[in-house]
N, C-alpha and C. Protein backbone atom coordinates (compact mmCIF):
# COMPACT_ATOMS: atom_id res chain seq x y z
N MET A 1 -83.66 38.37 -158.58
CA MET A 1 -84.78 37.75 -159.25
C MET A 1 -84.36 36.39 -159.79
N THR A 2 -85.18 35.45 -159.63
CA THR A 2 -84.88 34.10 -160.09
C THR A 2 -85.51 33.82 -161.44
N GLY A 3 -86.37 34.68 -161.90
CA GLY A 3 -87.04 34.45 -163.16
C GLY A 3 -88.25 33.53 -163.01
N GLN A 4 -88.58 33.15 -161.78
CA GLN A 4 -89.74 32.29 -161.54
C GLN A 4 -90.87 33.13 -160.97
N SER A 5 -92.07 32.77 -161.35
CA SER A 5 -93.23 33.47 -160.81
C SER A 5 -93.48 33.01 -159.37
N ASP A 6 -94.29 33.80 -158.66
CA ASP A 6 -94.62 33.43 -157.28
C ASP A 6 -95.29 32.06 -157.24
N GLY A 7 -96.13 31.77 -158.23
CA GLY A 7 -96.84 30.49 -158.27
C GLY A 7 -95.86 29.32 -158.43
N GLU A 8 -94.83 29.51 -159.27
CA GLU A 8 -93.85 28.44 -159.46
C GLU A 8 -93.05 28.21 -158.19
N GLN A 9 -92.71 29.31 -157.48
CA GLN A 9 -91.95 29.17 -156.23
C GLN A 9 -92.78 28.45 -155.17
N GLU A 10 -94.09 28.80 -155.07
CA GLU A 10 -94.96 28.14 -154.11
C GLU A 10 -95.12 26.67 -154.47
N ASP A 11 -95.21 26.36 -155.76
CA ASP A 11 -95.35 24.98 -156.20
C ASP A 11 -94.13 24.16 -155.80
N ARG A 12 -92.93 24.73 -156.01
CA ARG A 12 -91.70 24.02 -155.62
C ARG A 12 -91.62 23.84 -154.11
N ALA A 13 -92.04 24.86 -153.34
CA ALA A 13 -92.02 24.76 -151.87
C ALA A 13 -92.99 23.67 -151.41
N GLY A 14 -94.16 23.59 -152.04
CA GLY A 14 -95.15 22.55 -151.69
C GLY A 14 -94.62 21.18 -152.00
N GLN A 15 -93.94 21.03 -153.15
CA GLN A 15 -93.37 19.73 -153.51
C GLN A 15 -92.29 19.33 -152.52
N ALA A 16 -91.48 20.29 -152.09
CA ALA A 16 -90.41 19.98 -151.13
C ALA A 16 -91.00 19.54 -149.80
N THR A 17 -92.08 20.22 -149.35
CA THR A 17 -92.71 19.85 -148.09
C THR A 17 -93.33 18.46 -148.18
N ARG A 18 -94.06 18.20 -149.28
CA ARG A 18 -94.66 16.87 -149.46
C ARG A 18 -93.59 15.81 -149.53
N GLY A 19 -92.47 16.15 -150.19
CA GLY A 19 -91.37 15.19 -150.29
C GLY A 19 -90.77 14.88 -148.94
N SER A 20 -90.59 15.90 -148.08
CA SER A 20 -90.01 15.65 -146.75
C SER A 20 -90.99 14.87 -145.88
N ASP A 21 -92.30 15.13 -146.03
CA ASP A 21 -93.31 14.35 -145.28
C ASP A 21 -93.25 12.89 -145.70
N ARG A 22 -93.15 12.66 -147.02
CA ARG A 22 -93.09 11.30 -147.54
C ARG A 22 -91.84 10.59 -147.02
N GLN A 23 -90.71 11.31 -147.01
CA GLN A 23 -89.45 10.72 -146.53
C GLN A 23 -89.56 10.35 -145.06
N MET A 24 -90.22 11.22 -144.27
CA MET A 24 -90.36 10.94 -142.84
C MET A 24 -91.21 9.69 -142.63
N ILE A 25 -92.33 9.57 -143.36
CA ILE A 25 -93.20 8.40 -143.22
C ILE A 25 -92.48 7.15 -143.70
N GLU A 26 -91.80 7.26 -144.85
CA GLU A 26 -91.07 6.10 -145.36
C GLU A 26 -89.94 5.72 -144.41
N GLY A 27 -89.33 6.73 -143.76
CA GLY A 27 -88.25 6.47 -142.81
C GLY A 27 -88.74 5.68 -141.61
N LEU A 28 -89.99 5.92 -141.24
CA LEU A 28 -90.55 5.15 -140.13
C LEU A 28 -90.74 3.70 -140.52
N GLY A 29 -91.10 3.47 -141.78
CA GLY A 29 -91.36 2.12 -142.23
C GLY A 29 -92.57 1.56 -141.53
N ASP A 30 -92.97 0.37 -141.88
CA ASP A 30 -94.14 -0.26 -141.27
C ASP A 30 -93.93 -0.48 -139.79
N GLY A 31 -92.76 -0.93 -139.39
CA GLY A 31 -92.49 -1.20 -137.98
C GLY A 31 -92.46 0.07 -137.15
N GLY A 32 -91.86 1.12 -137.67
CA GLY A 32 -91.77 2.38 -136.94
C GLY A 32 -93.13 3.04 -136.77
N LEU A 33 -93.94 2.99 -137.82
CA LEU A 33 -95.27 3.59 -137.75
C LEU A 33 -96.14 2.84 -136.75
N LYS A 34 -96.08 1.52 -136.79
CA LYS A 34 -96.84 0.71 -135.83
C LYS A 34 -96.37 0.99 -134.41
N ARG A 35 -95.06 1.13 -134.23
CA ARG A 35 -94.49 1.42 -132.91
C ARG A 35 -95.01 2.77 -132.40
N ALA A 36 -95.04 3.78 -133.29
CA ALA A 36 -95.51 5.12 -132.89
C ALA A 36 -96.97 5.07 -132.48
N ILE A 37 -97.78 4.31 -133.22
CA ILE A 37 -99.20 4.17 -132.89
C ILE A 37 -99.37 3.46 -131.56
N LEU A 38 -98.62 2.40 -131.33
CA LEU A 38 -98.71 1.66 -130.07
C LEU A 38 -98.29 2.52 -128.88
N ILE A 39 -97.24 3.29 -129.05
CA ILE A 39 -96.79 4.17 -127.95
C ILE A 39 -97.86 5.20 -127.63
N THR A 40 -98.45 5.80 -128.67
CA THR A 40 -99.51 6.79 -128.45
C THR A 40 -100.70 6.16 -127.74
N ALA A 41 -101.12 4.98 -128.20
CA ALA A 41 -102.25 4.28 -127.56
C ALA A 41 -101.91 3.94 -126.11
N GLY A 42 -100.69 3.52 -125.84
CA GLY A 42 -100.28 3.19 -124.47
C GLY A 42 -100.33 4.39 -123.55
N VAL A 43 -99.89 5.55 -124.05
CA VAL A 43 -99.93 6.77 -123.24
C VAL A 43 -101.37 7.16 -122.92
N VAL A 44 -102.26 7.06 -123.91
CA VAL A 44 -103.68 7.39 -123.69
C VAL A 44 -104.30 6.44 -122.67
N ILE A 45 -104.06 5.15 -122.80
CA ILE A 45 -104.62 4.17 -121.86
C ILE A 45 -104.07 4.38 -120.46
N ALA A 46 -102.77 4.64 -120.35
CA ALA A 46 -102.17 4.88 -119.03
C ALA A 46 -102.78 6.12 -118.38
N GLY A 47 -103.00 7.17 -119.17
CA GLY A 47 -103.62 8.38 -118.63
C GLY A 47 -105.02 8.13 -118.14
N ALA A 48 -105.79 7.36 -118.90
CA ALA A 48 -107.16 7.03 -118.50
C ALA A 48 -107.17 6.22 -117.21
N LEU A 49 -106.27 5.26 -117.09
CA LEU A 49 -106.20 4.45 -115.87
C LEU A 49 -105.81 5.30 -114.66
N LEU A 50 -104.84 6.19 -114.85
CA LEU A 50 -104.45 7.07 -113.74
C LEU A 50 -105.62 7.95 -113.31
N LEU A 51 -106.36 8.49 -114.27
CA LEU A 51 -107.53 9.31 -113.94
C LEU A 51 -108.58 8.50 -113.21
N ALA A 52 -108.79 7.26 -113.65
CA ALA A 52 -109.81 6.42 -113.01
C ALA A 52 -109.44 6.09 -111.56
N PHE A 53 -108.16 5.83 -111.31
CA PHE A 53 -107.75 5.43 -109.96
C PHE A 53 -107.45 6.60 -109.04
N PHE A 54 -106.95 7.71 -109.60
CA PHE A 54 -106.52 8.82 -108.75
C PHE A 54 -107.26 10.12 -109.02
N GLY A 55 -108.13 10.13 -110.03
CA GLY A 55 -108.84 11.35 -110.40
C GLY A 55 -110.08 11.57 -109.56
N VAL A 56 -110.93 12.49 -110.02
CA VAL A 56 -112.15 12.86 -109.30
C VAL A 56 -113.05 11.65 -109.08
N GLY A 57 -113.14 10.77 -110.07
CA GLY A 57 -114.02 9.61 -109.96
C GLY A 57 -113.72 8.76 -108.74
N ALA A 58 -112.46 8.63 -108.37
CA ALA A 58 -112.10 7.80 -107.23
C ALA A 58 -112.50 8.45 -105.91
N GLN A 59 -112.76 9.75 -105.90
CA GLN A 59 -113.11 10.45 -104.67
C GLN A 59 -114.61 10.51 -104.44
N LEU A 60 -115.40 10.01 -105.35
CA LEU A 60 -116.85 10.05 -105.20
C LEU A 60 -117.32 8.96 -104.25
N THR A 61 -118.36 9.27 -103.49
CA THR A 61 -118.92 8.31 -102.54
C THR A 61 -119.80 7.30 -103.26
N GLN A 62 -120.32 6.39 -102.49
CA GLN A 62 -121.31 5.46 -103.03
C GLN A 62 -122.54 6.25 -103.45
N SER A 63 -123.42 5.62 -104.16
CA SER A 63 -124.63 6.26 -104.65
C SER A 63 -125.45 6.85 -103.50
N ARG A 64 -125.88 8.10 -103.68
CA ARG A 64 -126.72 8.78 -102.69
C ARG A 64 -127.95 9.33 -103.39
N ARG A 65 -129.01 9.53 -102.64
CA ARG A 65 -130.23 10.11 -103.19
C ARG A 65 -130.01 11.62 -103.34
N VAL A 66 -130.33 12.15 -104.51
CA VAL A 66 -130.12 13.56 -104.81
C VAL A 66 -131.43 14.15 -105.30
N ALA A 67 -131.78 15.32 -104.77
CA ALA A 67 -132.96 16.06 -105.25
C ALA A 67 -132.46 17.36 -105.88
N ILE A 68 -132.91 17.62 -107.10
CA ILE A 68 -132.55 18.86 -107.77
C ILE A 68 -133.82 19.60 -108.13
N VAL A 69 -133.71 20.92 -108.19
CA VAL A 69 -134.85 21.75 -108.61
C VAL A 69 -134.43 22.50 -109.86
N VAL A 70 -135.22 22.32 -110.91
CA VAL A 70 -134.98 22.99 -112.19
C VAL A 70 -136.08 24.03 -112.37
N ARG A 71 -135.68 25.29 -112.59
CA ARG A 71 -136.66 26.36 -112.83
C ARG A 71 -136.73 26.63 -114.33
N VAL A 72 -137.95 26.59 -114.83
CA VAL A 72 -138.20 26.85 -116.25
C VAL A 72 -139.09 28.08 -116.33
N ASP A 73 -138.64 29.08 -117.06
CA ASP A 73 -139.37 30.34 -117.19
C ASP A 73 -140.11 30.41 -118.52
N GLN A 74 -141.14 31.24 -118.53
CA GLN A 74 -141.91 31.59 -119.72
C GLN A 74 -142.43 30.37 -120.47
N ILE A 75 -143.15 29.53 -119.76
CA ILE A 75 -143.76 28.35 -120.37
C ILE A 75 -145.24 28.65 -120.61
N PRO A 76 -145.74 28.33 -121.80
CA PRO A 76 -147.18 28.46 -122.01
C PRO A 76 -147.92 27.55 -121.03
N PRO A 77 -149.08 27.98 -120.53
CA PRO A 77 -149.83 27.17 -119.56
C PRO A 77 -150.14 25.76 -120.07
N GLU A 78 -150.34 25.61 -121.40
CA GLU A 78 -150.65 24.30 -121.96
C GLU A 78 -149.48 23.32 -121.79
N VAL A 79 -148.27 23.83 -121.84
CA VAL A 79 -147.10 22.98 -121.64
C VAL A 79 -146.88 22.73 -120.15
N ALA A 80 -147.02 23.76 -119.35
CA ALA A 80 -146.82 23.62 -117.89
C ALA A 80 -147.77 22.58 -117.30
N SER A 81 -148.97 22.49 -117.83
CA SER A 81 -149.95 21.54 -117.30
C SER A 81 -149.59 20.08 -117.60
N GLN A 82 -148.66 19.86 -118.53
CA GLN A 82 -148.26 18.50 -118.87
C GLN A 82 -147.19 17.93 -117.94
N ILE A 83 -146.57 18.78 -117.12
CA ILE A 83 -145.51 18.32 -116.21
C ILE A 83 -146.19 17.74 -114.98
N ARG A 84 -145.94 16.47 -114.72
CA ARG A 84 -146.66 15.79 -113.63
C ARG A 84 -145.70 15.03 -112.72
N VAL A 85 -146.08 14.93 -111.45
CA VAL A 85 -145.35 14.10 -110.50
C VAL A 85 -145.37 12.67 -111.02
N GLY A 86 -144.23 12.01 -110.97
CA GLY A 86 -144.11 10.64 -111.45
C GLY A 86 -143.52 10.53 -112.84
N ASP A 87 -143.43 11.67 -113.58
CA ASP A 87 -142.83 11.64 -114.91
C ASP A 87 -141.36 11.23 -114.82
N PRO A 88 -140.88 10.41 -115.76
CA PRO A 88 -139.45 10.13 -115.81
C PRO A 88 -138.73 11.39 -116.29
N ALA A 89 -137.53 11.61 -115.77
CA ALA A 89 -136.76 12.80 -116.15
C ALA A 89 -135.47 12.37 -116.84
N PHE A 90 -135.30 12.85 -118.05
CA PHE A 90 -134.10 12.57 -118.84
C PHE A 90 -133.36 13.88 -119.04
N THR A 91 -132.03 13.80 -119.28
CA THR A 91 -131.26 15.02 -119.51
C THR A 91 -130.92 15.24 -120.95
N ASP A 92 -131.09 14.23 -121.77
CA ASP A 92 -130.81 14.41 -123.19
C ASP A 92 -131.65 13.46 -124.01
N VAL A 93 -131.65 13.71 -125.29
CA VAL A 93 -132.49 12.90 -126.17
C VAL A 93 -131.97 11.48 -126.33
N ALA A 94 -130.74 11.22 -125.86
CA ALA A 94 -130.20 9.86 -125.91
C ALA A 94 -130.86 8.96 -124.88
N GLY A 95 -131.61 9.55 -123.97
CA GLY A 95 -132.39 8.76 -123.02
C GLY A 95 -131.70 8.43 -121.72
N VAL A 96 -130.82 9.31 -121.22
CA VAL A 96 -130.17 9.07 -119.94
C VAL A 96 -131.15 9.46 -118.83
N LEU A 97 -131.72 8.44 -118.18
CA LEU A 97 -132.69 8.67 -117.11
C LEU A 97 -131.94 9.13 -115.86
N ILE A 98 -132.32 10.30 -115.33
CA ILE A 98 -131.65 10.79 -114.13
C ILE A 98 -132.53 10.69 -112.90
N GLY A 99 -133.80 10.47 -113.08
CA GLY A 99 -134.67 10.37 -111.92
C GLY A 99 -136.12 10.50 -112.31
N GLN A 100 -136.88 10.95 -111.30
CA GLN A 100 -138.33 11.05 -111.46
C GLN A 100 -138.80 12.38 -110.89
N VAL A 101 -139.79 12.99 -111.53
CA VAL A 101 -140.37 14.24 -111.04
C VAL A 101 -141.14 13.93 -109.75
N THR A 102 -140.79 14.64 -108.66
CA THR A 102 -141.45 14.40 -107.37
C THR A 102 -142.30 15.58 -106.92
N LYS A 103 -142.11 16.75 -107.55
CA LYS A 103 -142.89 17.93 -107.17
C LYS A 103 -142.90 18.91 -108.33
N VAL A 104 -144.05 19.56 -108.52
CA VAL A 104 -144.19 20.58 -109.55
C VAL A 104 -144.83 21.80 -108.92
N ASP A 105 -144.14 22.93 -108.99
CA ASP A 105 -144.66 24.18 -108.44
C ASP A 105 -144.79 25.17 -109.60
N SER A 106 -146.03 25.43 -110.04
CA SER A 106 -146.29 26.30 -111.18
C SER A 106 -146.99 27.56 -110.72
N ARG A 107 -146.57 28.71 -111.25
CA ARG A 107 -147.15 30.00 -110.87
C ARG A 107 -147.05 30.95 -112.06
N PRO A 108 -147.82 32.04 -112.04
CA PRO A 108 -147.69 33.03 -113.12
C PRO A 108 -146.26 33.56 -113.16
N GLU A 109 -145.78 33.81 -114.37
CA GLU A 109 -144.42 34.33 -114.57
C GLU A 109 -144.30 35.72 -113.94
N PRO A 110 -143.34 35.91 -113.03
CA PRO A 110 -143.16 37.26 -112.47
C PRO A 110 -142.58 38.21 -113.52
N ARG A 111 -143.00 39.46 -113.42
CA ARG A 111 -142.54 40.46 -114.38
C ARG A 111 -142.37 41.78 -113.64
N THR A 112 -141.38 42.53 -114.03
CA THR A 112 -141.24 43.87 -113.46
C THR A 112 -141.73 44.89 -114.48
N THR A 113 -142.40 45.91 -113.97
CA THR A 113 -142.89 46.99 -114.83
C THR A 113 -142.44 48.31 -114.22
N THR A 114 -142.36 49.30 -115.07
CA THR A 114 -141.96 50.64 -114.63
C THR A 114 -143.12 51.60 -114.86
N ASP A 115 -143.45 52.38 -113.83
CA ASP A 115 -144.53 53.36 -113.99
C ASP A 115 -143.99 54.66 -114.57
N SER A 116 -144.87 55.61 -114.82
CA SER A 116 -144.49 56.87 -115.47
C SER A 116 -143.53 57.69 -114.61
N ALA A 117 -143.51 57.46 -113.29
CA ALA A 117 -142.61 58.21 -112.40
C ALA A 117 -141.25 57.51 -112.27
N GLY A 118 -141.07 56.36 -112.95
CA GLY A 118 -139.79 55.65 -112.87
C GLY A 118 -139.76 54.58 -111.79
N GLY A 119 -140.86 54.40 -111.07
CA GLY A 119 -140.90 53.38 -110.03
C GLY A 119 -141.01 51.98 -110.63
N VAL A 120 -140.35 51.04 -110.01
CA VAL A 120 -140.37 49.66 -110.50
C VAL A 120 -141.34 48.85 -109.63
N HIS A 121 -142.19 48.08 -110.29
CA HIS A 121 -143.18 47.28 -109.60
C HIS A 121 -143.13 45.84 -110.09
N LEU A 122 -143.43 44.91 -109.20
CA LEU A 122 -143.50 43.51 -109.56
C LEU A 122 -144.95 43.17 -109.91
N SER A 123 -145.12 42.54 -111.06
CA SER A 123 -146.45 42.12 -111.47
C SER A 123 -146.37 40.69 -111.98
N GLN A 124 -147.47 40.20 -112.51
CA GLN A 124 -147.51 38.83 -113.00
C GLN A 124 -147.91 38.80 -114.45
N ASP A 125 -147.24 37.94 -115.21
CA ASP A 125 -147.59 37.70 -116.60
C ASP A 125 -148.54 36.51 -116.61
N LEU A 126 -149.81 36.74 -116.84
CA LEU A 126 -150.81 35.68 -116.77
C LEU A 126 -150.83 34.80 -118.01
N THR A 127 -150.05 35.16 -119.04
CA THR A 127 -150.01 34.35 -120.26
C THR A 127 -148.91 33.30 -120.24
N ASN A 128 -147.98 33.40 -119.30
CA ASN A 128 -146.88 32.44 -119.19
C ASN A 128 -146.74 31.97 -117.75
N ARG A 129 -146.12 30.81 -117.58
CA ARG A 129 -145.92 30.23 -116.26
C ARG A 129 -144.42 30.13 -115.97
N GLN A 130 -144.10 30.18 -114.68
CA GLN A 130 -142.77 29.85 -114.19
C GLN A 130 -142.94 28.58 -113.37
N VAL A 131 -142.15 27.55 -113.68
CA VAL A 131 -142.34 26.26 -113.04
C VAL A 131 -141.04 25.79 -112.41
N ASP A 132 -141.13 25.39 -111.14
CA ASP A 132 -140.02 24.72 -110.46
C ASP A 132 -140.33 23.23 -110.44
N VAL A 133 -139.45 22.43 -111.03
CA VAL A 133 -139.64 20.98 -111.11
C VAL A 133 -138.60 20.32 -110.22
N THR A 134 -139.06 19.56 -109.21
CA THR A 134 -138.14 18.82 -108.35
C THR A 134 -138.00 17.41 -108.90
N ILE A 135 -136.76 16.99 -109.04
CA ILE A 135 -136.44 15.66 -109.57
C ILE A 135 -135.58 14.94 -108.54
N GLU A 136 -135.92 13.70 -108.25
CA GLU A 136 -135.09 12.89 -107.36
C GLU A 136 -134.51 11.73 -108.14
N GLY A 137 -133.23 11.47 -107.86
CA GLY A 137 -132.54 10.37 -108.51
C GLY A 137 -131.30 10.00 -107.71
N ASP A 138 -130.57 9.03 -108.20
CA ASP A 138 -129.35 8.59 -107.54
C ASP A 138 -128.16 9.29 -108.17
N GLY A 139 -127.25 9.75 -107.31
CA GLY A 139 -126.04 10.41 -107.79
C GLY A 139 -124.87 10.05 -106.90
N ARG A 140 -123.71 10.51 -107.31
CA ARG A 140 -122.50 10.28 -106.53
C ARG A 140 -121.97 11.65 -106.10
N VAL A 141 -121.43 11.69 -104.89
CA VAL A 141 -121.03 12.96 -104.30
C VAL A 141 -119.57 12.87 -103.88
N GLY A 142 -118.84 13.96 -104.05
CA GLY A 142 -117.46 14.00 -103.59
C GLY A 142 -116.78 15.29 -104.01
N ALA A 143 -115.89 15.75 -103.18
CA ALA A 143 -115.10 16.96 -103.45
C ALA A 143 -115.98 18.14 -103.85
N GLY A 144 -117.13 18.27 -103.17
CA GLY A 144 -118.03 19.38 -103.44
C GLY A 144 -118.78 19.26 -104.76
N LEU A 145 -118.81 18.07 -105.32
CA LEU A 145 -119.40 17.84 -106.62
C LEU A 145 -120.49 16.78 -106.53
N VAL A 146 -121.57 16.97 -107.28
CA VAL A 146 -122.62 15.96 -107.40
C VAL A 146 -122.63 15.53 -108.86
N ILE A 147 -122.56 14.22 -109.09
CA ILE A 147 -122.54 13.68 -110.44
C ILE A 147 -123.72 12.72 -110.60
N ILE A 148 -124.51 12.92 -111.66
CA ILE A 148 -125.58 11.98 -112.00
C ILE A 148 -125.31 11.53 -113.44
N HIS A 149 -125.03 10.26 -113.60
CA HIS A 149 -124.73 9.68 -114.93
C HIS A 149 -123.72 10.53 -115.70
N SER A 150 -122.58 10.79 -115.11
CA SER A 150 -121.46 11.51 -115.73
C SER A 150 -121.74 12.99 -115.98
N GLN A 151 -122.84 13.51 -115.47
CA GLN A 151 -123.14 14.93 -115.65
C GLN A 151 -122.99 15.64 -114.32
N ALA A 152 -122.14 16.67 -114.29
CA ALA A 152 -121.97 17.47 -113.08
C ALA A 152 -123.24 18.28 -112.84
N ILE A 153 -123.76 18.20 -111.63
CA ILE A 153 -124.99 18.89 -111.25
C ILE A 153 -124.60 20.09 -110.39
N LEU A 154 -124.70 21.28 -110.96
CA LEU A 154 -124.30 22.51 -110.28
C LEU A 154 -125.40 23.55 -110.38
N ALA A 155 -125.76 24.15 -109.24
CA ALA A 155 -126.77 25.21 -109.25
C ALA A 155 -126.30 26.36 -110.13
N GLY A 156 -127.24 26.92 -110.88
CA GLY A 156 -126.94 28.03 -111.77
C GLY A 156 -126.64 27.59 -113.19
N ARG A 157 -126.47 26.31 -113.38
CA ARG A 157 -126.12 25.78 -114.71
C ARG A 157 -127.40 25.56 -115.53
N PRO A 158 -127.34 25.81 -116.85
CA PRO A 158 -128.48 25.48 -117.70
C PRO A 158 -128.75 23.98 -117.65
N PHE A 159 -130.02 23.61 -117.76
CA PHE A 159 -130.38 22.20 -117.62
C PHE A 159 -131.54 21.88 -118.53
N SER A 160 -131.38 20.86 -119.36
CA SER A 160 -132.48 20.40 -120.23
C SER A 160 -133.23 19.30 -119.51
N LEU A 161 -134.53 19.46 -119.40
CA LEU A 161 -135.40 18.47 -118.77
C LEU A 161 -136.30 17.90 -119.85
N ILE A 162 -136.15 16.60 -120.08
CA ILE A 162 -136.89 15.95 -121.15
C ILE A 162 -137.70 14.81 -120.56
N SER A 163 -138.93 14.70 -120.99
CA SER A 163 -139.77 13.58 -120.61
C SER A 163 -140.49 13.11 -121.86
N HIS A 164 -141.45 12.22 -121.69
CA HIS A 164 -142.15 11.70 -122.85
C HIS A 164 -143.04 12.74 -123.53
N HIS A 165 -143.42 13.80 -122.80
CA HIS A 165 -144.39 14.77 -123.32
C HIS A 165 -143.84 16.18 -123.48
N TYR A 166 -142.61 16.44 -123.03
CA TYR A 166 -142.08 17.80 -123.10
C TYR A 166 -140.56 17.80 -123.14
N TYR A 167 -140.04 18.92 -123.61
CA TYR A 167 -138.60 19.19 -123.69
C TYR A 167 -138.45 20.62 -123.20
N LEU A 168 -137.88 20.79 -122.02
CA LEU A 168 -137.80 22.11 -121.39
C LEU A 168 -136.35 22.53 -121.14
N ALA A 169 -136.08 23.79 -121.36
CA ALA A 169 -134.76 24.35 -121.07
C ALA A 169 -134.89 25.23 -119.84
N GLY A 170 -134.20 24.86 -118.77
CA GLY A 170 -134.29 25.62 -117.53
C GLY A 170 -132.93 25.85 -116.90
N THR A 171 -132.97 26.20 -115.63
CA THR A 171 -131.76 26.45 -114.85
C THR A 171 -131.85 25.66 -113.56
N LEU A 172 -130.77 24.98 -113.18
CA LEU A 172 -130.72 24.30 -111.89
C LEU A 172 -130.65 25.38 -110.80
N VAL A 173 -131.63 25.37 -109.91
CA VAL A 173 -131.63 26.39 -108.86
C VAL A 173 -131.22 25.83 -107.50
N SER A 174 -131.32 24.51 -107.32
CA SER A 174 -130.84 23.94 -106.05
C SER A 174 -130.52 22.45 -106.20
N VAL A 175 -129.59 22.02 -105.37
CA VAL A 175 -129.15 20.63 -105.33
C VAL A 175 -129.10 20.21 -103.87
N HIS A 176 -129.81 19.12 -103.53
CA HIS A 176 -129.84 18.63 -102.15
C HIS A 176 -129.45 17.15 -102.13
N VAL A 177 -128.46 16.81 -101.31
CA VAL A 177 -128.05 15.42 -101.15
C VAL A 177 -128.71 14.89 -99.90
N ARG A 178 -129.33 13.73 -99.99
CA ARG A 178 -130.05 13.15 -98.85
C ARG A 178 -129.26 12.01 -98.25
């Protein structure tokens, strides 16, 4: 037993750690600290340049026309009726324009029901719509990847479709390069 409480021991350990941190920083001095920052910045810049020249971006082709289909489920008919051919299509509220709506296919939301005998039947929900929205825009293609404004376009991925009149959350169901 040292005769010190746990709190006093922790306090001394904290002071020793802070003291060693201070000694390390003071040991670097102004020149050493600046040198460490410059080396770190140089490594980051070199990595970014290597990625730009030899990474995925360098393997992408020139701009190509890309058509994507976004499926949005369970939309009230009042919202579905606002989606129109010619609408600008954005992917986020920051306003990154990815293309233009070229086709809208709206239908009653499909629904499965089970009868009393356990049989499954397909029916329609007449209170909601399922909408497939086709958007065309320019993208870059390479290594099995389609990129539109730094966003990877992959079927099956969630996709936000924003225009001046609506904000829809859907799923990319197809990607076609023209």
